[in-house]
Amino acid sequence: MSHPQNVDQRNATAGRDIIAGDMHYHLPPSPTATVIEQLLVKLQQEIEDSAQVRAMIDRLRYYYEQKATDGITGLEAKLKKGGREHEVLLALEKKEMFVKMLDKWSLYSSAQEIFVYLLAKAEHEFSYHVLPQIGNLRESEINEMVSQKIVEPIVAECGATTLKMHHGMAMGMVYWLAEQCFVRWHK
């Protein structure tokens, strides 16, 4: 059986990237791609090009600035004020897991953009859907809301991607936002 030596793939199409021998051709994201999908295409290219950055973008730096408008700073204090002292150790572990992921991926500008998008989304969902229910619902119902509104969507968007965001990391993001005073577990 003979194999052709020259294969012409100039008009080839695929739902994703086309790989031919040792060449990897990136297709632009589809016009219907989500924000995350578009940024993940850019991230993959940055990784392949070793295009790391030294500076943090301003929109990500915003989340590093604590904003304790209620006078209660830090994750542990916020959990205790919200009657959730029983989850302090687990929360600290998950937060640390997220911090390590954030540190690792912040070397790429598109990853920083992904984190800004995810942090803003998590803060929005918590502030507009979860926080108003604190005090009205049982802790298990609040946990279910956090899972449905924040954790599950983040894992669905980023779980099978280069970032490999799993449930613990997504929940760690929520805890990190609490540490930074963007979310709180009390009224």
C-alpha atoms as a PDB file:
ATOM      1  CA  MET A   1       0.000   0.000   0.000  1.00  0.00           C
ATOM      2  CA  SER A   2       1.516   3.337  -0.964  1.00  0.00           C
ATOM      3  CA  HIS A   3       1.102   6.555   0.993  1.00  0.00           C
ATOM      4  CA  PRO A   4       1.048   9.908  -0.754  1.00  0.00           C
ATOM      5  CA  GLN A   5       4.048  12.063   0.087  1.00  0.00           C
ATOM      6  CA  ASN A   6       2.392  15.402  -0.582  1.00  0.00           C
ATOM      7  CA  VAL A   7      -0.981  16.157   0.888  1.00  0.00           C
ATOM      8  CA  ASP A   8      -2.666  19.457   0.070  1.00  0.00           C
ATOM      9  CA  GLN A   9      -4.810  20.724   2.966  1.00  0.00           C
ATOM     10  CA  ARG A  10      -5.202  24.312   1.819  1.00  0.00           C
ATOM     11  CA  ASN A  11      -8.965  24.000   1.546  1.00  0.00           C
ATOM     12  CA  ALA A  12      -9.439  21.727   4.536  1.00  0.00           C
ATOM     13  CA  THR A  13     -11.989  22.689   7.158  1.00  0.00           C
ATOM     14  CA  ALA A  14     -12.506  21.491  10.701  1.00  0.00           C
ATOM     15  CA  GLY A  15     -14.442  22.471  13.768  1.00  0.00           C
ATOM     16  CA  ARG A  16     -11.169  23.203  15.599  1.00  0.00           C
ATOM     17  CA  ASP A  17      -7.479  23.615  14.734  1.00  0.00           C
ATOM     18  CA  ILE A  18      -5.938  21.670  11.865  1.00  0.00           C
ATOM     19  CA  ILE A  19      -2.780  19.690  12.565  1.00  0.00           C
ATOM     20  CA  ALA A  20      -0.668  18.542   9.631  1.00  0.00           C
ATOM     21  CA  GLY A  21       2.569  16.743  10.405  1.00  0.00           C
ATOM     22  CA  ASP A  22       4.532  19.037  12.676  1.00  0.00           C
ATOM     23  CA  MET A  23       2.564  22.146  11.699  1.00  0.00           C
ATOM     24  CA  HIS A  24      -0.301  23.384  13.873  1.00  0.00           C
ATOM     25  CA  TYR A  25      -2.633  25.857  12.216  1.00  0.00           C
ATOM     26  CA  HIS A  26      -4.897  27.878  14.498  1.00  0.00           C
ATOM     27  CA  LEU A  27      -8.285  28.687  13.169  1.00  0.00           C
ATOM     28  CA  PRO A  28      -9.781  31.943  14.382  1.00  0.00           C
ATOM     29  CA  PRO A  29     -12.576  31.480  16.896  1.00  0.00           C
ATOM     30  CA  SER A  30     -16.007  31.099  15.391  1.00  0.00           C
ATOM     31  CA  PRO A  31     -18.121  34.267  15.291  1.00  0.00           C
ATOM     32  CA  THR A  32     -20.471  32.612  17.806  1.00  0.00           C
ATOM     33  CA  ALA A  33     -17.677  31.693  20.242  1.00  0.00           C
ATOM     34  CA  THR A  34     -18.167  32.815  23.820  1.00  0.00           C
ATOM     35  CA  VAL A  35     -15.827  35.318  25.443  1.00  0.00           C
ATOM     36  CA  ILE A  36     -14.056  32.461  27.218  1.00  0.00           C
ATOM     37  CA  GLU A  37     -13.701  30.428  24.003  1.00  0.00           C
ATOM     38  CA  GLN A  38     -12.179  33.420  22.213  1.00  0.00           C
ATOM     39  CA  LEU A  39      -9.744  34.093  25.048  1.00  0.00           C
ATOM     40  CA  LEU A  40      -8.788  30.418  25.272  1.00  0.00           C
ATOM     41  CA  VAL A  41      -7.770  30.459  21.601  1.00  0.00           C
ATOM     42  CA  LYS A  42      -5.550  33.471  22.343  1.00  0.00           C
ATOM     43  CA  LEU A  43      -4.178  31.770  25.461  1.00  0.00           C
ATOM     44  CA  GLN A  44      -3.212  28.646  23.534  1.00  0.00           C
ATOM     45  CA  GLN A  45      -1.348  30.783  21.008  1.00  0.00           C
ATOM     46  CA  GLU A  46       0.442  32.691  23.785  1.00  0.00           C
ATOM     47  CA  ILE A  47       1.505  29.413  25.398  1.00  0.00           C
ATOM     48  CA  GLU A  48       2.870  28.072  22.108  1.00  0.00           C
ATOM     49  CA  ASP A  49       4.665  31.357  21.426  1.00  0.00           C
ATOM     50  CA  SER A  50       5.942  31.582  25.027  1.00  0.00           C
ATOM     51  CA  ALA A  51       4.416  35.054  25.086  1.00  0.00           C
ATOM     52  CA  GLN A  52       4.513  35.763  28.808  1.00  0.00           C
ATOM     53  CA  VAL A  53       3.915  39.167  30.347  1.00  0.00           C
ATOM     54  CA  ARG A  54       5.497  40.816  33.347  1.00  0.00           C
ATOM     55  CA  ALA A  55       2.712  43.211  34.297  1.00  0.00           C
ATOM     56  CA  MET A  56      -0.754  42.601  35.590  1.00  0.00           C
ATOM     57  CA  ILE A  57      -3.565  44.266  33.701  1.00  0.00           C
ATOM     58  CA  ASP A  58      -5.430  46.977  35.607  1.00  0.00           C
ATOM     59  CA  ARG A  59      -8.740  45.143  35.492  1.00  0.00           C
ATOM     60  CA  LEU A  60      -7.203  42.174  37.326  1.00  0.00           C
ATOM     61  CA  ARG A  61      -5.293  44.414  39.728  1.00  0.00           C
ATOM     62  CA  TYR A  62      -8.706  45.812  40.758  1.00  0.00           C
ATOM     63  CA  TYR A  63      -9.543  42.450  42.386  1.00  0.00           C
ATOM     64  CA  TYR A  64      -6.326  42.475  44.394  1.00  0.00           C
ATOM     65  CA  GLU A  65      -7.351  45.659  46.216  1.00  0.00           C
ATOM     66  CA  GLN A  66      -9.384  44.818  49.323  1.00  0.00           C
ATOM     67  CA  LYS A  67     -12.606  46.759  49.653  1.00  0.00           C
ATOM     68  CA  ALA A  68     -13.884  46.172  53.194  1.00  0.00           C
ATOM     69  CA  THR A  69     -16.939  48.413  53.067  1.00  0.00           C
ATOM     70  CA  ASP A  70     -18.454  46.607  56.066  1.00  0.00           C
ATOM     71  CA  GLY A  71     -15.318  46.783  58.233  1.00  0.00           C
ATOM     72  CA  ILE A  72     -14.857  43.000  58.223  1.00  0.00           C
ATOM     73  CA  THR A  73     -11.696  42.003  56.406  1.00  0.00           C
ATOM     74  CA  GLY A  74     -10.453  38.618  55.362  1.00  0.00           C
ATOM     75  CA  LEU A  75     -12.024  35.299  54.539  1.00  0.00           C
ATOM     76  CA  GLU A  76     -11.946  33.840  58.035  1.00  0.00           C
ATOM     77  CA  ALA A  77     -13.601  36.899  59.600  1.00  0.00           C
ATOM     78  CA  LYS A  78     -16.278  36.972  56.893  1.00  0.00           C
ATOM     79  CA  LEU A  79     -17.072  33.279  57.337  1.00  0.00           C
ATOM     80  CA  LYS A  80     -17.291  33.649  61.125  1.00  0.00           C
ATOM     81  CA  LYS A  81     -19.550  36.705  60.820  1.00  0.00           C
ATOM     82  CA  GLY A  82     -21.779  34.668  58.490  1.00  0.00           C
ATOM     83  CA  GLY A  83     -21.988  31.727  60.908  1.00  0.00           C
ATOM     84  CA  ARG A  84     -19.807  29.550  58.683  1.00  0.00           C
ATOM     85  CA  GLU A  85     -16.801  29.030  60.955  1.00  0.00           C
ATOM     86  CA  HIS A  86     -17.110  25.271  60.362  1.00  0.00           C
ATOM     87  CA  GLU A  87     -15.872  25.740  56.775  1.00  0.00           C
ATOM     88  CA  VAL A  88     -12.837  27.945  57.497  1.00  0.00           C
ATOM     89  CA  LEU A  89     -10.165  25.267  56.980  1.00  0.00           C
ATOM     90  CA  LEU A  90     -11.712  23.922  53.779  1.00  0.00           C
ATOM     91  CA  ALA A  91     -12.283  27.471  52.510  1.00  0.00           C
ATOM     92  CA  LEU A  92      -8.652  28.408  53.146  1.00  0.00           C
ATOM     93  CA  GLU A  93      -7.454  25.302  51.272  1.00  0.00           C
ATOM     94  CA  LYS A  94      -9.693  25.984  48.278  1.00  0.00           C
ATOM     95  CA  LYS A  95      -8.778  29.660  48.238  1.00  0.00           C
ATOM     96  CA  GLU A  96      -5.095  28.719  48.234  1.00  0.00           C
ATOM     97  CA  MET A  97      -5.698  26.296  45.365  1.00  0.00           C
ATOM     98  CA  PHE A  98      -7.234  29.131  43.357  1.00  0.00           C
ATOM     99  CA  VAL A  99      -4.421  31.551  44.279  1.00  0.00           C
ATOM    100  CA  LYS A 100      -1.825  29.083  42.966  1.00  0.00           C
ATOM    101  CA  MET A 101      -3.769  28.718  39.731  1.00  0.00           C
ATOM    102  CA  LEU A 102      -4.119  32.491  39.408  1.00  0.00           C
ATOM    103  CA  ASP A 103      -0.383  32.984  39.993  1.00  0.00           C
ATOM    104  CA  LYS A 104       0.546  30.328  37.456  1.00  0.00           C
ATOM    105  CA  TRP A 105      -1.695  31.575  34.669  1.00  0.00           C
ATOM    106  CA  SER A 106      -1.221  35.308  35.261  1.00  0.00           C
ATOM    107  CA  LEU A 107       1.928  35.075  33.148  1.00  0.00           C
ATOM    108  CA  TYR A 108      -0.324  35.242  30.066  1.00  0.00           C
ATOM    109  CA  SER A 109      -2.348  38.335  29.225  1.00  0.00           C
ATOM    110  CA  SER A 110      -5.289  36.376  27.816  1.00  0.00           C
ATOM    111  CA  ALA A 111      -5.412  34.232  30.981  1.00  0.00           C
ATOM    112  CA  GLN A 112      -5.556  37.456  32.995  1.00  0.00           C
ATOM    113  CA  GLU A 113      -8.511  38.499  30.822  1.00  0.00           C
ATOM    114  CA  ILE A 114     -10.180  35.135  31.485  1.00  0.00           C
ATOM    115  CA  PHE A 115      -9.756  35.590  35.237  1.00  0.00           C
ATOM    116  CA  VAL A 116     -11.134  39.137  35.090  1.00  0.00           C
ATOM    117  CA  TYR A 117     -14.168  37.806  33.230  1.00  0.00           C
ATOM    118  CA  LEU A 118     -14.684  34.930  35.702  1.00  0.00           C
ATOM    119  CA  LEU A 119     -14.124  37.072  38.801  1.00  0.00           C
ATOM    120  CA  ALA A 120     -16.520  39.757  37.558  1.00  0.00           C
ATOM    121  CA  LYS A 121     -19.106  37.108  36.718  1.00  0.00           C
ATOM    122  CA  ALA A 122     -18.747  35.434  40.130  1.00  0.00           C
ATOM    123  CA  GLU A 123     -18.951  38.768  41.960  1.00  0.00           C
ATOM    124  CA  HIS A 124     -22.024  39.792  39.955  1.00  0.00           C
ATOM    125  CA  GLU A 125     -23.854  36.494  40.503  1.00  0.00           C
ATOM    126  CA  PHE A 126     -23.054  36.516  44.209  1.00  0.00           C
ATOM    127  CA  SER A 127     -24.024  40.165  44.738  1.00  0.00           C
ATOM    128  CA  TYR A 128     -27.274  40.074  42.768  1.00  0.00           C
ATOM    129  CA  HIS A 129     -28.552  36.568  43.444  1.00  0.00           C
ATOM    130  CA  VAL A 130     -26.896  35.019  46.513  1.00  0.00           C
ATOM    131  CA  LEU A 131     -26.326  37.954  48.887  1.00  0.00           C
ATOM    132  CA  PRO A 132     -29.979  39.102  48.856  1.00  0.00           C
ATOM    133  CA  GLN A 133     -30.991  35.597  50.022  1.00  0.00           C
ATOM    134  CA  ILE A 134     -28.546  35.380  52.927  1.00  0.00           C
ATOM    135  CA  GLY A 135     -30.633  35.452  56.094  1.00  0.00           C
ATOM    136  CA  ASN A 136     -33.719  34.227  54.216  1.00  0.00           C
ATOM    137  CA  LEU A 137     -32.488  30.779  53.185  1.00  0.00           C
ATOM    138  CA  ARG A 138     -30.782  27.922  55.003  1.00  0.00           C
ATOM    139  CA  GLU A 139     -27.032  27.493  54.522  1.00  0.00           C
ATOM    140  CA  SER A 140     -27.577  24.439  52.300  1.00  0.00           C
ATOM    141  CA  GLU A 141     -29.870  26.486  50.041  1.00  0.00           C
ATOM    142  CA  ILE A 142     -27.276  29.272  49.818  1.00  0.00           C
ATOM    143  CA  ASN A 143     -24.627  26.662  48.986  1.00  0.00           C
ATOM    144  CA  GLU A 144     -26.861  25.289  46.226  1.00  0.00           C
ATOM    145  CA  MET A 145     -27.306  28.796  44.817  1.00  0.00           C
ATOM    146  CA  VAL A 146     -23.553  29.407  44.818  1.00  0.00           C
ATOM    147  CA  SER A 147     -23.067  26.083  43.072  1.00  0.00           C
ATOM    148  CA  GLN A 148     -25.740  26.720  40.430  1.00  0.00           C
ATOM    149  CA  LYS A 149     -25.033  30.394  39.786  1.00  0.00           C
ATOM    150  CA  ILE A 150     -21.226  30.438  40.037  1.00  0.00           C
ATOM    151  CA  VAL A 151     -19.376  27.133  40.417  1.00  0.00           C
ATOM    152  CA  GLU A 152     -21.170  24.977  37.827  1.00  0.00           C
ATOM    153  CA  PRO A 153     -21.112  27.636  35.049  1.00  0.00           C
ATOM    154  CA  ILE A 154     -17.393  28.295  35.607  1.00  0.00           C
ATOM    155  CA  VAL A 155     -16.557  24.581  35.515  1.00  0.00           C
ATOM    156  CA  ALA A 156     -18.703  24.181  32.385  1.00  0.00           C
ATOM    157  CA  GLU A 157     -16.804  27.008  30.663  1.00  0.00           C
ATOM    158  CA  CYS A 158     -13.275  26.179  31.842  1.00  0.00           C
ATOM    159  CA  GLY A 159     -13.183  22.612  33.137  1.00  0.00           C
ATOM    160  CA  ALA A 160     -12.157  20.898  29.919  1.00  0.00           C
ATOM    161  CA  THR A 161      -9.884  23.693  28.711  1.00  0.00           C
ATOM    162  CA  THR A 162      -6.224  24.532  29.119  1.00  0.00           C
ATOM    163  CA  LEU A 163      -7.051  25.989  32.545  1.00  0.00           C
ATOM    164  CA  LYS A 164      -8.718  22.771  33.796  1.00  0.00           C
ATOM    165  CA  MET A 165     -10.833  24.631  36.350  1.00  0.00           C
ATOM    166  CA  HIS A 166     -12.587  22.145  38.626  1.00  0.00           C
ATOM    167  CA  HIS A 167     -15.225  22.653  41.320  1.00  0.00           C
ATOM    168  CA  GLY A 168     -12.712  23.163  44.129  1.00  0.00           C
ATOM    169  CA  MET A 169     -10.884  25.869  42.205  1.00  0.00           C
ATOM    170  CA  ALA A 170     -14.126  27.591  41.223  1.00  0.00           C
ATOM    171  CA  MET A 171     -15.242  27.597  44.855  1.00  0.00           C
ATOM    172  CA  GLY A 172     -11.753  28.788  45.778  1.00  0.00           C
ATOM    173  CA  MET A 173     -12.392  31.766  43.508  1.00  0.00           C
ATOM    174  CA  VAL A 174     -15.493  32.638  45.544  1.00  0.00           C
ATOM    175  CA  TYR A 175     -13.509  32.326  48.775  1.00  0.00           C
ATOM    176  CA  TRP A 176     -10.731  34.479  47.296  1.00  0.00           C
ATOM    177  CA  LEU A 177     -13.315  37.117  46.422  1.00  0.00           C
ATOM    178  CA  ALA A 178     -14.442  36.991  50.059  1.00  0.00           C
ATOM    179  CA  GLU A 179     -10.820  37.374  51.196  1.00  0.00           C
ATOM    180  CA  GLN A 180     -10.582  40.443  48.971  1.00  0.00           C
ATOM    181  CA  CYS A 181     -13.922  41.713  50.384  1.00  0.00           C
ATOM    182  CA  PHE A 182     -15.896  41.493  47.133  1.00  0.00           C
ATOM    183  CA  VAL A 183     -18.370  38.960  48.558  1.00  0.00           C
ATOM    184  CA  ARG A 184     -19.581  38.371  52.076  1.00  0.00           C
ATOM    185  CA  TRP A 185     -21.521  35.647  53.851  1.00  0.00           C
ATOM    186  CA  HIS A 186     -23.523  37.993  56.099  1.00  0.00           C
ATOM    187  CA  LYS A 187     -26.059  40.793  55.688  1.00  0.00           C
END
